[in-house]
Amino acid sequence: MSQWGPYAEAVARWEQATRPAPAPTDERGRLAPEFVEWIMGLPAGWVTATPGLSRPAQLTALGNGVVPQQAAHALRLLDPPLPLRGHPPASRER
C-alpha cells in the first residue's frame, strides 16, 4: 500500500492534472504548507516561496485562501446572463 492509503487513486489523478505531490508532512510530522499549496491546485511556491513568511503564516494564508477551480466555478454559477429574460432592466428613475 502506498503512503497515501485509501487516497492513492485520488492523489494519482491530481498528480496527473498538476505535478508530483510533495510530502504531506515535514520532518517533524507536521502538515507541510507545500502539500496544502499542491492540494489546492496552486503553482509551486505561490505561497511557500514568499520571503519572510513563516510556516504558520503560510498555513494561515493557505487556509484563508480560495481554491481557484472552486472560485471559477462559483463565479460561473453566480454570473447570470444579462439581461435576464422576461425581466426588463430596473428603472433608475425615482
PDB file of N, CA and C in Angstrom:
ATOM      1  N   MET A   1       0.859  -1.191   0.000  1.00  0.00           N
ATOM      2  CA  MET A   1       0.000   0.000   0.000  1.00  0.00           C
ATOM      3  C   MET A   1       0.898   1.246   0.000  1.00  0.00           C
ATOM      4  N   SER A   2       0.533   2.245  -0.749  1.00  0.00           N
ATOM      5  CA  SER A   2       1.329   3.465  -0.831  1.00  0.00           C
ATOM      6  C   SER A   2       1.170   4.305   0.424  1.00  0.00           C
ATOM      7  N   GLN A   3       1.972   5.344   0.515  1.00  0.00           N
ATOM      8  CA  GLN A   3       1.876   6.257   1.662  1.00  0.00           C
ATOM      9  C   GLN A   3       0.529   6.963   1.716  1.00  0.00           C
ATOM     10  N   TRP A   4      -0.224   6.937   0.615  1.00  0.00           N
ATOM     11  CA  TRP A   4      -1.489   7.655   0.555  1.00  0.00           C
ATOM     12  C   TRP A   4      -2.679   6.809   0.986  1.00  0.00           C
ATOM     13  N   GLY A   5      -2.466   5.516   1.214  1.00  0.00           N
ATOM     14  CA  GLY A   5      -3.546   4.651   1.683  1.00  0.00           C
ATOM     15  C   GLY A   5      -4.754   4.700   0.771  1.00  0.00           C
ATOM     16  N   PRO A   6      -5.949   4.884   1.348  1.00  0.00           N
ATOM     17  CA  PRO A   6      -7.164   4.867   0.533  1.00  0.00           C
ATOM     18  C   PRO A   6      -7.271   6.061  -0.421  1.00  0.00           C
ATOM     19  N   TYR A   7      -6.387   7.040  -0.276  1.00  0.00           N
ATOM     20  CA  TYR A   7      -6.436   8.229  -1.133  1.00  0.00           C
ATOM     21  C   TYR A   7      -5.475   8.128  -2.327  1.00  0.00           C
ATOM     22  N   ALA A   8      -4.809   6.993  -2.478  1.00  0.00           N
ATOM     23  CA  ALA A   8      -3.796   6.827  -3.516  1.00  0.00           C
ATOM     24  C   ALA A   8      -4.322   7.141  -4.920  1.00  0.00           C
ATOM     25  N   GLU A   9      -5.515   6.663  -5.248  1.00  0.00           N
ATOM     26  CA  GLU A   9      -6.059   6.913  -6.589  1.00  0.00           C
ATOM     27  C   GLU A   9      -6.339   8.390  -6.803  1.00  0.00           C
ATOM     28  N   ALA A  10      -6.888   9.056  -5.799  1.00  0.00           N
ATOM     29  CA  ALA A  10      -7.185  10.482  -5.920  1.00  0.00           C
ATOM     30  C   ALA A  10      -5.898  11.291  -6.038  1.00  0.00           C
ATOM     31  N   VAL A  11      -4.894  10.930  -5.262  1.00  0.00           N
ATOM     32  CA  VAL A  11      -3.607  11.633  -5.341  1.00  0.00           C
ATOM     33  C   VAL A  11      -3.000  11.428  -6.729  1.00  0.00           C
ATOM     34  N   ALA A  12      -3.053  10.215  -7.233  1.00  0.00           N
ATOM     35  CA  ALA A  12      -2.500   9.936  -8.564  1.00  0.00           C
ATOM     36  C   ALA A  12      -3.215  10.754  -9.641  1.00  0.00           C
ATOM     37  N   ARG A  13      -4.538  10.866  -9.545  1.00  0.00           N
ATOM     38  CA  ARG A  13      -5.286  11.684 -10.526  1.00  0.00           C
ATOM     39  C   ARG A  13      -4.872  13.141 -10.439  1.00  0.00           C
ATOM     40  N   TRP A  14      -4.716  13.648  -9.217  1.00  0.00           N
ATOM     41  CA  TRP A  14      -4.359  15.061  -9.056  1.00  0.00           C
ATOM     42  C   TRP A  14      -2.924  15.306  -9.506  1.00  0.00           C
ATOM     43  N   GLU A  15      -2.048  14.335  -9.305  1.00  0.00           N
ATOM     44  CA  GLU A  15      -0.672  14.453  -9.801  1.00  0.00           C
ATOM     45  C   GLU A  15      -0.662  14.534 -11.323  1.00  0.00           C
ATOM     46  N   GLN A  16      -1.526  13.768 -11.974  1.00  0.00           N
ATOM     47  CA  GLN A  16      -1.591  13.826 -13.441  1.00  0.00           C
ATOM     48  C   GLN A  16      -2.077  15.189 -13.920  1.00  0.00           C
ATOM     49  N   ALA A  17      -2.966  15.802 -13.157  1.00  0.00           N
ATOM     50  CA  ALA A  17      -3.511  17.110 -13.539  1.00  0.00           C
ATOM     51  C   ALA A  17      -2.585  18.259 -13.159  1.00  0.00           C
ATOM     52  N   THR A  18      -1.720  18.041 -12.180  1.00  0.00           N
ATOM     53  CA  THR A  18      -0.888  19.145 -11.687  1.00  0.00           C
ATOM     54  C   THR A  18       0.591  18.808 -11.796  1.00  0.00           C
ATOM     55  N   ARG A  19       1.165  18.284 -10.730  1.00  0.00           N
ATOM     56  CA  ARG A  19       2.583  17.927 -10.644  1.00  0.00           C
ATOM     57  C   ARG A  19       2.707  16.875  -9.545  1.00  0.00           C
ATOM     58  N   PRO A  20       3.885  16.249  -9.404  1.00  0.00           N
ATOM     59  CA  PRO A  20       4.037  15.254  -8.337  1.00  0.00           C
ATOM     60  C   PRO A  20       3.729  15.853  -6.960  1.00  0.00           C
ATOM     61  N   ALA A  21       3.079  15.049  -6.143  1.00  0.00           N
ATOM     62  CA  ALA A  21       2.692  15.504  -4.805  1.00  0.00           C
ATOM     63  C   ALA A  21       3.924  15.655  -3.919  1.00  0.00           C
ATOM     64  N   PRO A  22       4.012  16.779  -3.220  1.00  0.00           N
ATOM     65  CA  PRO A  22       5.079  16.900  -2.224  1.00  0.00           C
ATOM     66  C   PRO A  22       4.723  16.075  -0.991  1.00  0.00           C
ATOM     67  N   ALA A  23       5.676  15.902  -0.111  1.00  0.00           N
ATOM     68  CA  ALA A  23       5.425  15.165   1.133  1.00  0.00           C
ATOM     69  C   ALA A  23       4.321  15.873   1.915  1.00  0.00           C
ATOM     70  N   PRO A  24       3.384  15.124   2.490  1.00  0.00           N
ATOM     71  CA  PRO A  24       2.291  15.755   3.224  1.00  0.00           C
ATOM     72  C   PRO A  24       2.713  16.355   4.569  1.00  0.00           C
ATOM     73  N   THR A  25       3.812  15.857   5.100  1.00  0.00           N
ATOM     74  CA  THR A  25       4.284  16.376   6.392  1.00  0.00           C
ATOM     75  C   THR A  25       5.764  16.728   6.306  1.00  0.00           C
ATOM     76  N   ASP A  26       6.210  17.557   7.246  1.00  0.00           N
ATOM     77  CA  ASP A  26       7.623  17.902   7.303  1.00  0.00           C
ATOM     78  C   ASP A  26       8.375  16.875   8.151  1.00  0.00           C
ATOM     79  N   GLU A  27       9.650  17.120   8.381  1.00  0.00           N
ATOM     80  CA  GLU A  27      10.486  16.164   9.117  1.00  0.00           C
ATOM     81  C   GLU A  27      10.040  15.977  10.568  1.00  0.00           C
ATOM     82  N   ARG A  28       9.230  16.902  11.090  1.00  0.00           N
ATOM     83  CA  ARG A  28       8.721  16.786  12.459  1.00  0.00           C
ATOM     84  C   ARG A  28       7.307  16.194  12.508  1.00  0.00           C
ATOM     85  N   GLY A  29       6.783  15.793  11.343  1.00  0.00           N
ATOM     86  CA  GLY A  29       5.457  15.186  11.287  1.00  0.00           C
ATOM     87  C   GLY A  29       4.318  16.187  11.227  1.00  0.00           C
ATOM     88  N   ARG A  30       4.639  17.453  10.978  1.00  0.00           N
ATOM     89  CA  ARG A  30       3.614  18.500  10.909  1.00  0.00           C
ATOM     90  C   ARG A  30       3.157  18.670   9.463  1.00  0.00           C
ATOM     91  N   LEU A  31       1.944  19.146   9.290  1.00  0.00           N
ATOM     92  CA  LEU A  31       1.414  19.415   7.956  1.00  0.00           C
ATOM     93  C   LEU A  31       2.364  20.337   7.193  1.00  0.00           C
ATOM     94  N   ALA A  32       2.689  19.952   5.968  1.00  0.00           N
ATOM     95  CA  ALA A  32       3.606  20.730   5.134  1.00  0.00           C
ATOM     96  C   ALA A  32       2.824  21.740   4.291  1.00  0.00           C
ATOM     97  N   PRO A  33       3.182  23.029   4.381  1.00  0.00           N
ATOM     98  CA  PRO A  33       2.494  24.032   3.563  1.00  0.00           C
ATOM     99  C   PRO A  33       2.593  23.742   2.066  1.00  0.00           C
ATOM    100  N   GLU A  34       3.688  23.146   1.628  1.00  0.00           N
ATOM    101  CA  GLU A  34       3.851  22.806   0.210  1.00  0.00           C
ATOM    102  C   GLU A  34       2.778  21.807  -0.240  1.00  0.00           C
ATOM    103  N   PHE A  35       2.407  20.902   0.656  1.00  0.00           N
ATOM    104  CA  PHE A  35       1.361  19.928   0.338  1.00  0.00           C
ATOM    105  C   PHE A  35       0.006  20.622   0.222  1.00  0.00           C
ATOM    106  N   VAL A  36      -0.274  21.533   1.143  1.00  0.00           N
ATOM    107  CA  VAL A  36      -1.543  22.272   1.103  1.00  0.00           C
ATOM    108  C   VAL A  36      -1.615  23.086  -0.191  1.00  0.00           C
ATOM    109  N   GLU A  37      -0.521  23.731  -0.534  1.00  0.00           N
ATOM    110  CA  GLU A  37      -0.440  24.517  -1.772  1.00  0.00           C
ATOM    111  C   GLU A  37      -0.736  23.628  -2.979  1.00  0.00           C
ATOM    112  N   TRP A  38      -0.148  22.426  -2.992  1.00  0.00           N
ATOM    113  CA  TRP A  38      -0.357  21.485  -4.098  1.00  0.00           C
ATOM    114  C   TRP A  38      -1.804  21.017  -4.155  1.00  0.00           C
ATOM    115  N   ILE A  39      -2.346  20.625  -3.003  1.00  0.00           N
ATOM    116  CA  ILE A  39      -3.700  20.066  -2.994  1.00  0.00           C
ATOM    117  C   ILE A  39      -4.739  21.113  -3.400  1.00  0.00           C
ATOM    118  N   MET A  40      -4.429  22.394  -3.171  1.00  0.00           N
ATOM    119  CA  MET A  40      -5.333  23.471  -3.583  1.00  0.00           C
ATOM    120  C   MET A  40      -5.207  23.786  -5.071  1.00  0.00           C
ATOM    121  N   GLY A  41      -4.206  23.198  -5.727  1.00  0.00           N
ATOM    122  CA  GLY A  41      -4.014  23.439  -7.157  1.00  0.00           C
ATOM    123  C   GLY A  41      -3.254  24.717  -7.460  1.00  0.00           C
ATOM    124  N   LEU A  42      -2.555  25.248  -6.466  1.00  0.00           N
ATOM    125  CA  LEU A  42      -1.772  26.467  -6.674  1.00  0.00           C
ATOM    126  C   LEU A  42      -0.405  26.121  -7.248  1.00  0.00           C
ATOM    127  N   PRO A  43       0.199  27.029  -8.002  1.00  0.00           N
ATOM    128  CA  PRO A  43       1.552  26.772  -8.503  1.00  0.00           C
ATOM    129  C   PRO A  43       2.532  26.598  -7.344  1.00  0.00           C
ATOM    130  N   ALA A  44       3.552  25.782  -7.561  1.00  0.00           N
ATOM    131  CA  ALA A  44       4.586  25.580  -6.536  1.00  0.00           C
ATOM    132  C   ALA A  44       5.192  26.929  -6.167  1.00  0.00           C
ATOM    133  N   GLY A  45       5.249  27.206  -4.872  1.00  0.00           N
ATOM    134  CA  GLY A  45       5.837  28.448  -4.401  1.00  0.00           C
ATOM    135  C   GLY A  45       4.895  29.634  -4.351  1.00  0.00           C
ATOM    136  N   TRP A  46       3.650  29.451  -4.763  1.00  0.00           N
ATOM    137  CA  TRP A  46       2.684  30.551  -4.787  1.00  0.00           C
ATOM    138  C   TRP A  46       2.608  31.252  -3.432  1.00  0.00           C
ATOM    139  N   VAL A  47       2.608  30.471  -2.382  1.00  0.00           N
ATOM    140  CA  VAL A  47       2.621  31.000  -1.016  1.00  0.00           C
ATOM    141  C   VAL A  47       3.936  30.663  -0.332  1.00  0.00           C
ATOM    142  N   THR A  48       4.411  29.436  -0.547  1.00  0.00           N
ATOM    143  CA  THR A  48       5.566  28.947   0.203  1.00  0.00           C
ATOM    144  C   THR A  48       6.890  29.595  -0.177  1.00  0.00           C
ATOM    145  N   ALA A  49       6.961  30.247  -1.298  1.00  0.00           N
ATOM    146  CA  ALA A  49       8.201  30.918  -1.690  1.00  0.00           C
ATOM    147  C   ALA A  49       8.187  32.405  -1.346  1.00  0.00           C
ATOM    148  N   THR A  50       7.192  32.839  -0.593  1.00  0.00           N
ATOM    149  CA  THR A  50       7.117  34.246  -0.192  1.00  0.00           C
ATOM    150  C   THR A  50       8.187  34.508   0.863  1.00  0.00           C
ATOM    151  N   PRO A  51       9.121  35.426   0.592  1.00  0.00           N
ATOM    152  CA  PRO A  51      10.193  35.693   1.557  1.00  0.00           C
ATOM    153  C   PRO A  51       9.647  36.168   2.905  1.00  0.00           C
ATOM    154  N   GLY A  52      10.218  35.607   3.967  1.00  0.00           N
ATOM    155  CA  GLY A  52       9.878  36.040   5.314  1.00  0.00           C
ATOM    156  C   GLY A  52       8.583  35.497   5.872  1.00  0.00           C
ATOM    157  N   LEU A  53       7.887  34.654   5.130  1.00  0.00           N
ATOM    158  CA  LEU A  53       6.609  34.105   5.593  1.00  0.00           C
ATOM    159  C   LEU A  53       6.882  32.788   6.322  1.00  0.00           C
ATOM    160  N   SER A  54       6.601  32.753   7.614  1.00  0.00           N
ATOM    161  CA  SER A  54       6.857  31.561   8.418  1.00  0.00           C
ATOM    162  C   SER A  54       5.897  30.433   8.046  1.00  0.00           C
ATOM    163  N   ARG A  55       6.195  29.230   8.491  1.00  0.00           N
ATOM    164  CA  ARG A  55       5.321  28.090   8.235  1.00  0.00           C
ATOM    165  C   ARG A  55       3.910  28.335   8.745  1.00  0.00           C
ATOM    166  N   PRO A  56       3.737  28.806  10.011  1.00  0.00           N
ATOM    167  CA  PRO A  56       2.366  29.083  10.458  1.00  0.00           C
ATOM    168  C   PRO A  56       1.671  30.157   9.615  1.00  0.00           C
ATOM    169  N   ALA A  57       2.413  31.167   9.197  1.00  0.00           N
ATOM    170  CA  ALA A  57       1.818  32.212   8.361  1.00  0.00           C
ATOM    171  C   ALA A  57       1.447  31.667   6.989  1.00  0.00           C
ATOM    172  N   GLN A  58       2.256  30.770   6.463  1.00  0.00           N
ATOM    173  CA  GLN A  58       1.934  30.138   5.179  1.00  0.00           C
ATOM    174  C   GLN A  58       0.643  29.332   5.293  1.00  0.00           C
ATOM    175  N   LEU A  59       0.526  28.543   6.362  1.00  0.00           N
ATOM    176  CA  LEU A  59      -0.684  27.741   6.547  1.00  0.00           C
ATOM    177  C   LEU A  59      -1.905  28.619   6.773  1.00  0.00           C
ATOM    178  N   THR A  60      -1.725  29.733   7.464  1.00  0.00           N
ATOM    179  CA  THR A  60      -2.838  30.666   7.657  1.00  0.00           C
ATOM    180  C   THR A  60      -3.276  31.249   6.320  1.00  0.00           C
ATOM    181  N   ALA A  61      -2.309  31.687   5.525  1.00  0.00           N
ATOM    182  CA  ALA A  61      -2.638  32.256   4.213  1.00  0.00           C
ATOM    183  C   ALA A  61      -3.348  31.229   3.336  1.00  0.00           C
ATOM    184  N   LEU A  62      -2.846  30.009   3.339  1.00  0.00           N
ATOM    185  CA  LEU A  62      -3.477  28.955   2.537  1.00  0.00           C
ATOM    186  C   LEU A  62      -4.862  28.616   3.067  1.00  0.00           C
ATOM    187  N   GLY A  63      -4.989  28.554   4.377  1.00  0.00           N
ATOM    188  CA  GLY A  63      -6.283  28.238   4.975  1.00  0.00           C
ATOM    189  C   GLY A  63      -7.325  29.315   4.747  1.00  0.00           C
ATOM    190  N   ASN A  64      -6.874  30.553   4.615  1.00  0.00           N
ATOM    191  CA  ASN A  64      -7.795  31.651   4.350  1.00  0.00           C
ATOM    192  C   ASN A  64      -7.977  31.889   2.857  1.00  0.00           C
ATOM    193  N   GLY A  65      -7.260  31.119   2.046  1.00  0.00           N
ATOM    194  CA  GLY A  65      -7.325  31.288   0.604  1.00  0.00           C
ATOM    195  C   GLY A  65      -8.493  30.553  -0.013  1.00  0.00           C
ATOM    196  N   VAL A  66      -8.580  30.675  -1.307  1.00  0.00           N
ATOM    197  CA  VAL A  66      -9.658  30.064  -2.082  1.00  0.00           C
ATOM    198  C   VAL A  66      -9.031  29.139  -3.114  1.00  0.00           C
ATOM    199  N   VAL A  67      -9.628  27.986  -3.283  1.00  0.00           N
ATOM    200  CA  VAL A  67      -9.189  27.066  -4.329  1.00  0.00           C
ATOM    201  C   VAL A  67      -9.612  27.682  -5.664  1.00  0.00           C
ATOM    202  N   PRO A  68      -8.657  27.989  -6.554  1.00  0.00           N
ATOM    203  CA  PRO A  68      -9.001  28.691  -7.802  1.00  0.00           C
ATOM    204  C   PRO A  68     -10.097  28.014  -8.625  1.00  0.00           C
ATOM    205  N   GLN A  69     -10.068  26.680  -8.729  1.00  0.00           N
ATOM    206  CA  GLN A  69     -11.076  25.987  -9.526  1.00  0.00           C
ATOM    207  C   GLN A  69     -12.463  26.154  -8.909  1.00  0.00           C
ATOM    208  N   GLN A  70     -12.528  26.154  -7.601  1.00  0.00           N
ATOM    209  CA  GLN A  70     -13.810  26.322  -6.916  1.00  0.00           C
ATOM    210  C   GLN A  70     -14.331  27.743  -7.107  1.00  0.00           C
ATOM    211  N   ALA A  71     -13.444  28.723  -7.023  1.00  0.00           N
ATOM    212  CA  ALA A  71     -13.850  30.111  -7.219  1.00  0.00           C
ATOM    213  C   ALA A  71     -14.341  30.339  -8.644  1.00  0.00           C
ATOM    214  N   ALA A  72     -13.641  29.778  -9.611  1.00  0.00           N
ATOM    215  CA  ALA A  72     -14.060  29.938 -11.008  1.00  0.00           C
ATOM    216  C   ALA A  72     -15.442  29.329 -11.233  1.00  0.00           C
ATOM    217  N   HIS A  73     -15.676  28.164 -10.653  1.00  0.00           N
ATOM    218  CA  HIS A  73     -16.984  27.518 -10.800  1.00  0.00           C
ATOM    219  C   HIS A  73     -18.080  28.375 -10.148  1.00  0.00           C
ATOM    220  N   ALA A  74     -17.805  28.897  -8.968  1.00  0.00           N
ATOM    221  CA  ALA A  74     -18.795  29.740  -8.275  1.00  0.00           C
ATOM    222  C   ALA A  74     -19.117  30.979  -9.098  1.00  0.00           C
ATOM    223  N   LEU A  75     -18.112  31.596  -9.682  1.00  0.00           N
ATOM    224  CA  LEU A  75     -18.361  32.793 -10.499  1.00  0.00           C
ATOM    225  C   LEU A  75     -19.203  32.466 -11.718  1.00  0.00           C
ATOM    226  N   ARG A  76     -18.955  31.308 -12.332  1.00  0.00           N
ATOM    227  CA  ARG A  76     -19.787  30.911 -13.482  1.00  0.00           C
ATOM    228  C   ARG A  76     -21.236  30.706 -13.054  1.00  0.00           C
ATOM    229  N   LEU A  77     -21.435  30.136 -11.878  1.00  0.00           N
ATOM    230  CA  LEU A  77     -22.799  29.906 -11.392  1.00  0.00           C
ATOM    231  C   LEU A  77     -23.497  31.209 -11.003  1.00  0.00           C
ATOM    232  N   LEU A  78     -22.738  32.146 -10.490  1.00  0.00           N
ATOM    233  CA  LEU A  78     -23.321  33.384  -9.983  1.00  0.00           C
ATOM    234  C   LEU A  78     -23.470  34.473 -11.037  1.00  0.00           C
ATOM    235  N   ASP A  79     -22.869  34.291 -12.199  1.00  0.00           N
ATOM    236  CA  ASP A  79     -22.899  35.321 -13.237  1.00  0.00           C
ATOM    237  C   ASP A  79     -24.044  35.027 -14.200  1.00  0.00           C
ATOM    238  N   PRO A  80     -25.227  35.593 -13.941  1.00  0.00           N
ATOM    239  CA  PRO A  80     -26.363  35.295 -14.814  1.00  0.00           C
ATOM    240  C   PRO A  80     -26.201  36.001 -16.160  1.00  0.00           C
ATOM    241  N   PRO A  81     -26.767  35.408 -17.183  1.00  0.00           N
ATOM    242  CA  PRO A  81     -26.729  36.082 -18.485  1.00  0.00           C
ATOM    243  C   PRO A  81     -27.527  37.385 -18.405  1.00  0.00           C
ATOM    244  N   LEU A  82     -27.044  38.411 -19.025  1.00  0.00           N
ATOM    245  CA  LEU A  82     -27.712  39.718 -18.992  1.00  0.00           C
ATOM    246  C   LEU A  82     -28.252  40.041 -20.368  1.00  0.00           C
ATOM    247  N   PRO A  83     -29.365  40.695 -20.522  1.00  0.00           N
ATOM    248  CA  PRO A  83     -30.348  40.948 -19.474  1.00  0.00           C
ATOM    249  C   PRO A  83     -31.109  39.670 -19.145  1.00  0.00           C
ATOM    250  N   LEU A  84     -31.710  39.634 -17.981  1.00  0.00           N
ATOM    251  CA  LEU A  84     -32.482  38.470 -17.579  1.00  0.00           C
ATOM    252  C   LEU A  84     -33.722  38.376 -18.459  1.00  0.00           C
ATOM    253  N   ARG A  85     -33.979  37.208 -18.967  1.00  0.00           N
ATOM    254  CA  ARG A  85     -35.123  37.020 -19.853  1.00  0.00           C
ATOM    255  C   ARG A  85     -36.425  37.242 -19.102  1.00  0.00           C
ATOM    256  N   GLY A  86     -37.292  38.014 -19.714  1.00  0.00           N
ATOM    257  CA  GLY A  86     -38.606  38.241 -19.129  1.00  0.00           C
ATOM    258  C   GLY A  86     -38.620  39.321 -18.063  1.00  0.00           C
ATOM    259  N   HIS A  87     -37.475  39.918 -17.792  1.00  0.00           N
ATOM    260  CA  HIS A  87     -37.410  40.971 -16.789  1.00  0.00           C
ATOM    261  C   HIS A  87     -36.756  42.202 -17.408  1.00  0.00           C
ATOM    262  N   PRO A  88     -37.509  43.286 -17.567  1.00  0.00           N
ATOM    263  CA  PRO A  88     -36.897  44.487 -18.124  1.00  0.00           C
ATOM    264  C   PRO A  88     -35.860  45.049 -17.140  1.00  0.00           C
ATOM    265  N   PRO A  89     -34.871  45.787 -17.642  1.00  0.00           N
ATOM    266  CA  PRO A  89     -33.888  46.398 -16.739  1.00  0.00           C
ATOM    267  C   PRO A  89     -34.581  47.285 -15.708  1.00  0.00           C
ATOM    268  N   ALA A  90     -34.085  47.303 -14.496  1.00  0.00           N
ATOM    269  CA  ALA A  90     -34.674  48.124 -13.434  1.00  0.00           C
ATOM    270  C   ALA A  90     -34.541  49.595 -13.795  1.00  0.00           C
ATOM    271  N   SER A  91     -35.593  50.314 -13.542  1.00  0.00           N
ATOM    272  CA  SER A  91     -35.592  51.752 -13.817  1.00  0.00           C
ATOM    273  C   SER A  91     -34.755  52.473 -12.776  1.00  0.00           C
ATOM    274  N   ARG A  92     -34.004  53.457 -13.231  1.00  0.00           N
ATOM    275  CA  ARG A  92     -33.179  54.232 -12.305  1.00  0.00           C
ATOM    276  C   ARG A  92     -33.878  55.535 -11.908  1.00  0.00           C
ATOM    277  N   GLU A  93     -35.089  55.741 -12.441  1.00  0.00           N
ATOM    278  CA  GLU A  93     -35.825  56.961 -12.086  1.00  0.00           C
ATOM    279  C   GLU A  93     -36.457  56.808 -10.733  1.00  0.00           C
ATOM    280  N   ARG A  94     -36.571  57.900 -10.030  1.00  0.00           N
ATOM    281  CA  ARG A  94     -37.229  57.878  -8.710  1.00  0.00           C
ATOM    282  C   ARG A  94     -38.396  58.778  -8.692  1.00  0.00           C
TER     283      ARG A  94
END
